[in-house]
Amino acid sequence: MRGNHPYTRMKPKILLTNDDGITSAGLWAAYDALAPIADVTVVAPATQQSAVGRSISIFEPIRANRVTMNGVPAYSVGGKPTDSVIIGLFALRLNPDLVVSGINIGENLSYESIMTSGTVGAALEASNQGVPSLAFSLQVEDQGDKFDDPSRITDRFSDAKRVVREVCERVLATGFPENAHVINVNIPTPVRGGYEITRLAEKLFHTGVEERLDPRGRPYYWIDGPLYEDAEEGTDVHAVQRGNVSITPITLDCTASGAGDELRGIFDGMDI
C-alpha cells in the first residue's frame, strides 16, 4: 500500500531476500531485526550474486529448495535476487506487505552502484510487481570484507539491526511514499549521526582496470578502483561519510523527462 494510509494487519508479512546469498550474516541480521515485528519468510539466492543488478533467469529452470538455516525454515533459490523475489511472489504465493532486501555487506550508493546492485535489483523487481520494498546496505571499511567470510564482521550489525527495525516499523505504520518505488537505505559503520533523506550521488568508485598476465603470458583484467571519499552535500555518499543513515527514494521510471523538448527539436521534421 502506498500513500499515507497505515497497514492494518496486526502482524505484517515480509519477504526477506538479498544478493550475498542465503548464508550471509547480513541476511540473518535482518531476520533477527524483523522477526519480532513481522511474519518473515526468507527467500534468497543459494550463492553469492553481488553486482548482478536486476538480471533474471529466462534460459534455465529455477530450483527453490526448502532448507533450515539458523533453525529457521527458508527457501534457497538457484538463481538471482530477482528470481528469488519472483519465486516468492508467484510460486510460493507469499503475498507480503513488504519486501526487504539486505542487509548487504557493502554500500549501495550513487547512480553507479544502484544500477548494478543485486540488493537494489531485488527491491526494484518487488516494487515493479506492486509490493513496497526497501533495500538495506552496510558500509564496510575494507572492500575485501565483501568477499571474505562474513561471519567475522557479525559484531558490526548491532547498529544495522536497529536501523532495519526502526525504518521498517515506521514504513509499516505510516505507509509507503506515494512517489517512490524503492527506499534505499545505507548504514554507516559506525552510525555517528541520525537519519538523512538524500539523493543519489553520481559516482561511488574511481573506476579502473588492473592488467595481469597468466602463466602463458596472456593478459587478463580485474575491474577495480578506490571509493570516492566524499560527494556533494545532500547526496547519499556524503551522508554516509558523515556517519548518517542515508535514506534515498528511488523510482522505476528512468525517463529523462527534461530532455523531451530537446529531443523533439533534434527529430523535428523527420518522417517516422
Protein backbone atom coordinates (compact mmCIF):
# COMPACT_ATOMS: atom_id res chain seq x y z
CA MET A 1 0.00 0.00 0.00
CA ARG A 2 1.32 3.44 -0.93
CA GLY A 3 0.49 6.86 0.42
CA ASN A 4 -0.26 7.88 3.98
CA HIS A 5 -2.58 5.02 4.86
CA PRO A 6 -1.16 2.74 7.57
CA TYR A 7 -1.03 -1.02 7.24
CA THR A 8 -3.91 -2.61 9.08
CA ARG A 9 -2.52 -6.12 9.55
CA MET A 10 -1.57 -6.80 13.19
CA LYS A 11 1.36 -8.98 12.12
CA PRO A 12 2.60 -7.82 8.70
CA LYS A 13 4.16 -10.27 6.27
CA ILE A 14 7.68 -9.60 4.98
CA LEU A 15 9.55 -11.40 2.21
CA LEU A 16 13.26 -11.13 3.04
CA THR A 17 15.90 -11.59 0.34
CA ASN A 18 19.42 -10.42 -0.54
CA ASP A 19 22.22 -10.78 -3.08
CA ASP A 20 25.01 -12.07 -0.83
CA GLY A 21 23.39 -15.48 -0.60
CA ILE A 22 21.31 -17.37 1.93
CA THR A 23 24.25 -17.99 4.28
CA SER A 24 25.13 -14.28 4.62
CA ALA A 25 25.37 -12.88 8.13
CA GLY A 26 23.71 -9.70 6.86
CA LEU A 27 20.57 -11.56 5.75
CA TRP A 28 20.16 -13.20 9.14
CA ALA A 29 20.88 -9.96 10.98
CA ALA A 30 17.91 -8.50 9.08
CA TYR A 31 15.83 -11.54 10.02
CA ASP A 32 16.70 -11.08 13.70
CA ALA A 33 15.68 -7.42 13.47
CA LEU A 34 12.35 -8.08 11.75
CA ALA A 35 11.13 -11.36 13.27
CA PRO A 36 9.80 -9.69 16.45
CA ILE A 37 7.57 -7.33 14.43
CA ALA A 38 6.56 -9.36 11.37
CA ASP A 39 5.93 -12.77 9.88
CA VAL A 40 9.19 -13.07 7.91
CA THR A 41 9.84 -15.57 5.12
CA VAL A 42 13.39 -15.82 3.76
CA VAL A 43 13.66 -16.46 0.01
CA ALA A 44 17.26 -15.84 -1.04
CA PRO A 45 19.82 -16.92 -3.64
CA ALA A 46 21.68 -20.13 -2.86
CA THR A 47 25.02 -18.50 -3.72
CA GLN A 48 26.73 -15.11 -3.86
CA GLN A 49 25.02 -12.93 -6.50
CA SER A 50 26.51 -9.48 -5.95
CA ALA A 51 26.51 -6.99 -8.84
CA VAL A 52 24.01 -8.92 -10.97
CA GLY A 53 21.62 -5.97 -10.89
CA ARG A 54 18.09 -6.81 -11.95
CA SER A 55 19.08 -9.70 -14.20
CA ILE A 56 16.62 -12.58 -14.45
CA SER A 57 16.93 -16.27 -15.35
CA ILE A 58 14.89 -16.88 -18.50
CA PHE A 59 17.02 -19.50 -20.26
CA GLU A 60 17.19 -22.07 -17.49
CA PRO A 61 14.86 -23.54 -14.86
CA ILE A 62 14.96 -22.25 -11.29
CA ARG A 63 15.00 -24.53 -8.29
CA ALA A 64 13.79 -23.38 -4.88
CA ASN A 65 14.66 -25.76 -2.05
CA ARG A 66 13.16 -25.56 1.41
CA VAL A 67 16.03 -25.55 3.90
CA THR A 68 16.62 -24.77 7.56
CA MET A 69 19.11 -22.03 8.37
CA ASN A 70 19.85 -20.96 11.93
CA GLY A 71 16.86 -23.01 12.99
CA VAL A 72 14.56 -21.10 10.64
CA PRO A 73 12.73 -22.58 7.59
CA ALA A 74 13.79 -20.73 4.44
CA TYR A 75 13.90 -21.08 0.66
CA SER A 76 17.23 -21.37 -1.15
CA VAL A 77 16.84 -20.31 -4.78
CA GLY A 78 19.20 -21.42 -7.52
CA GLY A 79 19.15 -18.08 -9.29
CA LYS A 80 19.42 -14.34 -8.99
CA PRO A 81 17.95 -11.98 -6.36
CA THR A 82 15.24 -11.01 -8.85
CA ASP A 83 14.44 -14.69 -9.35
CA SER A 84 14.08 -15.08 -5.58
CA VAL A 85 11.51 -12.29 -5.45
CA ILE A 86 9.56 -13.69 -8.38
CA ILE A 87 9.57 -17.19 -6.86
CA GLY A 88 8.42 -15.80 -3.52
CA LEU A 89 5.59 -13.80 -5.07
CA PHE A 90 4.33 -16.10 -7.81
CA ALA A 91 5.40 -19.66 -6.94
CA LEU A 92 5.24 -19.59 -3.14
CA ARG A 93 2.42 -17.00 -3.22
CA LEU A 94 3.64 -15.33 -0.04
CA ASN A 95 1.57 -12.18 -0.61
CA PRO A 96 3.85 -9.98 1.54
CA ASP A 97 3.05 -6.49 2.75
CA LEU A 98 6.68 -5.54 2.27
CA VAL A 99 9.80 -6.90 0.58
CA VAL A 100 13.10 -6.24 2.36
CA SER A 101 16.42 -6.83 0.58
CA GLY A 102 19.63 -6.99 2.63
CA ILE A 103 21.44 -6.32 4.82
CA ASN A 104 24.00 -6.11 2.04
CA ILE A 105 27.65 -6.25 3.08
CA GLY A 106 28.96 -3.17 1.31
CA GLU A 107 27.46 0.20 0.35
CA ASN A 108 24.95 0.65 -2.45
CA LEU A 109 25.32 4.37 -3.07
CA SER A 110 25.12 6.59 -6.18
CA TYR A 111 23.76 6.05 -9.70
CA GLU A 112 26.71 3.79 -10.36
CA SER A 113 26.01 1.33 -7.56
CA ILE A 114 22.23 1.01 -7.67
CA MET A 115 22.31 0.18 -11.38
CA THR A 116 24.43 -2.92 -10.73
CA SER A 117 23.37 -3.88 -7.19
CA GLY A 118 21.56 -7.18 -6.84
CA THR A 119 20.26 -5.94 -3.48
CA VAL A 120 18.57 -2.95 -5.08
CA GLY A 121 17.63 -5.04 -8.12
CA ALA A 122 15.57 -7.38 -5.94
CA ALA A 123 13.77 -4.42 -4.36
CA LEU A 124 13.07 -2.86 -7.77
CA GLU A 125 11.59 -6.13 -9.01
CA ALA A 126 9.31 -6.37 -5.98
CA SER A 127 8.09 -2.83 -6.49
CA ASN A 128 7.55 -3.45 -10.19
CA GLN A 129 5.26 -6.31 -9.14
CA GLY A 130 3.30 -3.98 -6.85
CA VAL A 131 4.89 -4.72 -3.47
CA PRO A 132 6.51 -1.85 -1.50
CA SER A 133 10.19 -2.59 -0.99
CA LEU A 134 13.28 -1.45 0.86
CA ALA A 135 16.97 -2.19 0.31
CA PHE A 136 19.44 -2.08 3.21
CA SER A 137 23.22 -1.94 2.84
CA LEU A 138 26.04 -1.65 5.38
CA GLN A 139 29.23 0.34 4.82
CA VAL A 140 32.41 -1.70 5.01
CA GLU A 141 35.76 -0.20 5.94
CA ASP A 142 37.66 -2.65 3.75
CA GLN A 143 36.11 -3.61 0.41
CA GLY A 144 37.74 -7.01 0.87
CA ASP A 145 35.12 -7.72 3.52
CA LYS A 146 32.64 -8.11 0.67
CA PHE A 147 34.45 -11.22 -0.49
CA ASP A 148 35.69 -12.72 2.78
CA ASP A 149 33.85 -14.86 5.30
CA PRO A 150 31.09 -12.51 6.54
CA SER A 151 30.81 -14.26 9.91
CA ARG A 152 33.84 -12.35 11.17
CA ILE A 153 32.08 -8.98 10.86
CA THR A 154 28.95 -10.01 12.73
CA ASP A 155 29.74 -7.57 15.54
CA ARG A 156 29.14 -4.66 13.14
CA PHE A 157 25.47 -5.45 12.72
CA SER A 158 24.18 -4.00 16.02
CA ASP A 159 23.53 -0.53 14.55
CA ALA A 160 22.26 -2.04 11.30
CA LYS A 161 19.69 -4.23 13.07
CA ARG A 162 18.32 -1.21 14.90
CA VAL A 163 18.08 0.78 11.67
CA VAL A 164 16.32 -2.04 9.79
CA ARG A 165 13.75 -2.43 12.52
CA GLU A 166 13.14 1.31 13.02
CA VAL A 167 12.81 2.06 9.31
CA CYS A 168 10.52 -0.89 8.58
CA GLU A 169 8.35 -0.20 11.61
CA ARG A 170 7.91 3.41 10.50
CA VAL A 171 7.06 2.47 6.92
CA LEU A 172 4.61 -0.22 8.02
CA ALA A 173 2.94 2.22 10.42
CA THR A 174 2.64 5.22 8.10
CA GLY A 175 2.58 3.75 4.57
CA PHE A 176 4.95 3.98 1.61
CA PRO A 177 5.78 7.31 -0.07
CA GLU A 178 3.42 7.86 -2.99
CA ASN A 179 6.11 8.92 -5.48
CA ALA A 180 8.78 6.37 -4.62
CA HIS A 181 9.13 2.77 -5.73
CA VAL A 182 12.05 1.70 -3.52
CA ILE A 183 13.55 3.14 -0.34
CA ASN A 184 17.32 2.63 -0.47
CA VAL A 185 18.91 2.71 2.99
CA ASN A 186 22.68 2.82 3.55
CA ILE A 187 24.06 2.42 7.06
CA PRO A 188 27.49 3.77 8.04
CA THR A 189 29.91 1.82 10.21
CA PRO A 190 29.53 3.05 12.88
CA VAL A 191 26.42 5.23 12.92
CA ARG A 192 27.60 8.58 14.31
CA GLY A 193 24.58 10.73 13.42
CA GLY A 194 20.91 10.37 12.58
CA TYR A 195 18.70 9.72 9.58
CA GLU A 196 19.14 11.88 6.46
CA ILE A 197 16.89 11.97 3.40
CA THR A 198 19.24 12.07 0.42
CA ARG A 199 19.56 11.98 -3.35
CA LEU A 200 21.87 9.73 -5.33
CA ALA A 201 25.44 10.87 -5.88
CA GLU A 202 26.85 10.37 -9.37
CA LYS A 203 29.75 8.07 -8.53
CA LEU A 204 30.92 5.72 -5.80
CA PHE A 205 34.14 4.36 -7.31
CA HIS A 206 37.05 5.75 -9.28
CA THR A 207 36.76 3.02 -11.91
CA GLY A 208 39.99 1.44 -13.06
CA VAL A 209 41.32 -1.73 -14.64
CA GLU A 210 44.33 -3.73 -13.50
CA GLU A 211 46.01 -5.83 -16.17
CA ARG A 212 47.81 -9.03 -15.22
CA LEU A 213 49.40 -11.87 -17.14
CA ASP A 214 48.50 -15.52 -16.85
CA PRO A 215 51.26 -18.20 -16.74
CA ARG A 216 51.26 -18.28 -20.54
CA GLY A 217 51.83 -14.55 -20.82
CA ARG A 218 48.32 -13.69 -21.96
CA PRO A 219 46.65 -10.63 -20.37
CA TYR A 220 43.58 -10.72 -18.18
CA TYR A 221 41.88 -7.91 -16.27
CA TRP A 222 40.41 -7.01 -12.89
CA ILE A 223 37.98 -4.10 -12.69
CA ASP A 224 38.97 -2.15 -9.59
CA GLY A 225 39.30 1.35 -8.15
CA PRO A 226 39.08 3.13 -4.79
CA LEU A 227 35.93 4.65 -3.31
CA TYR A 228 35.18 8.34 -3.64
CA GLU A 229 35.98 9.93 -0.30
CA ASP A 230 33.02 12.32 -0.45
CA ALA A 231 30.37 13.90 -2.67
CA GLU A 232 28.07 16.93 -2.68
CA GLU A 233 26.07 17.78 0.41
CA GLY A 234 22.64 16.18 0.27
CA THR A 235 23.85 13.05 -1.52
CA ASP A 236 23.85 9.53 -0.15
CA VAL A 237 27.65 9.27 -0.36
CA HIS A 238 28.09 12.48 1.67
CA ALA A 239 25.58 11.39 4.32
CA VAL A 240 27.26 8.04 4.94
CA GLN A 241 30.71 9.66 5.05
CA ARG A 242 29.37 11.94 7.80
CA GLY A 243 28.10 8.93 9.74
CA ASN A 244 24.41 9.46 8.96
CA VAL A 245 21.99 6.79 7.78
CA SER A 246 21.15 7.66 4.17
CA ILE A 247 17.53 7.16 3.07
CA THR A 248 17.07 7.67 -0.67
CA PRO A 249 13.76 7.37 -2.56
CA ILE A 250 14.19 5.61 -5.90
CA THR A 251 11.83 5.39 -8.84
CA LEU A 252 11.50 2.72 -11.51
CA ASP A 253 10.80 5.38 -14.13
CA CYS A 254 14.12 6.08 -15.85
CA THR A 255 12.60 8.54 -18.32
CA ALA A 256 14.73 11.68 -18.68
CA SER A 257 11.71 13.99 -18.80
CA GLY A 258 13.79 17.15 -19.05
CA ALA A 259 15.29 16.01 -22.34
CA GLY A 260 11.98 15.65 -24.17
CA ASP A 261 11.85 19.12 -25.71
CA GLU A 262 15.46 18.92 -26.91
CA LEU A 263 14.82 15.52 -28.48
CA ARG A 264 11.73 16.88 -30.26
CA GLY A 265 13.96 19.60 -31.71
CA ILE A 266 16.56 17.05 -32.84
CA PHE A 267 14.00 14.85 -34.58
CA ASP A 268 11.65 17.61 -35.76
CA GLY A 269 10.72 17.14 -39.41
CA MET A 270 11.83 13.51 -39.63
CA ASP A 271 9.38 11.05 -41.13
CA ILE A 272 8.62 8.16 -38.83
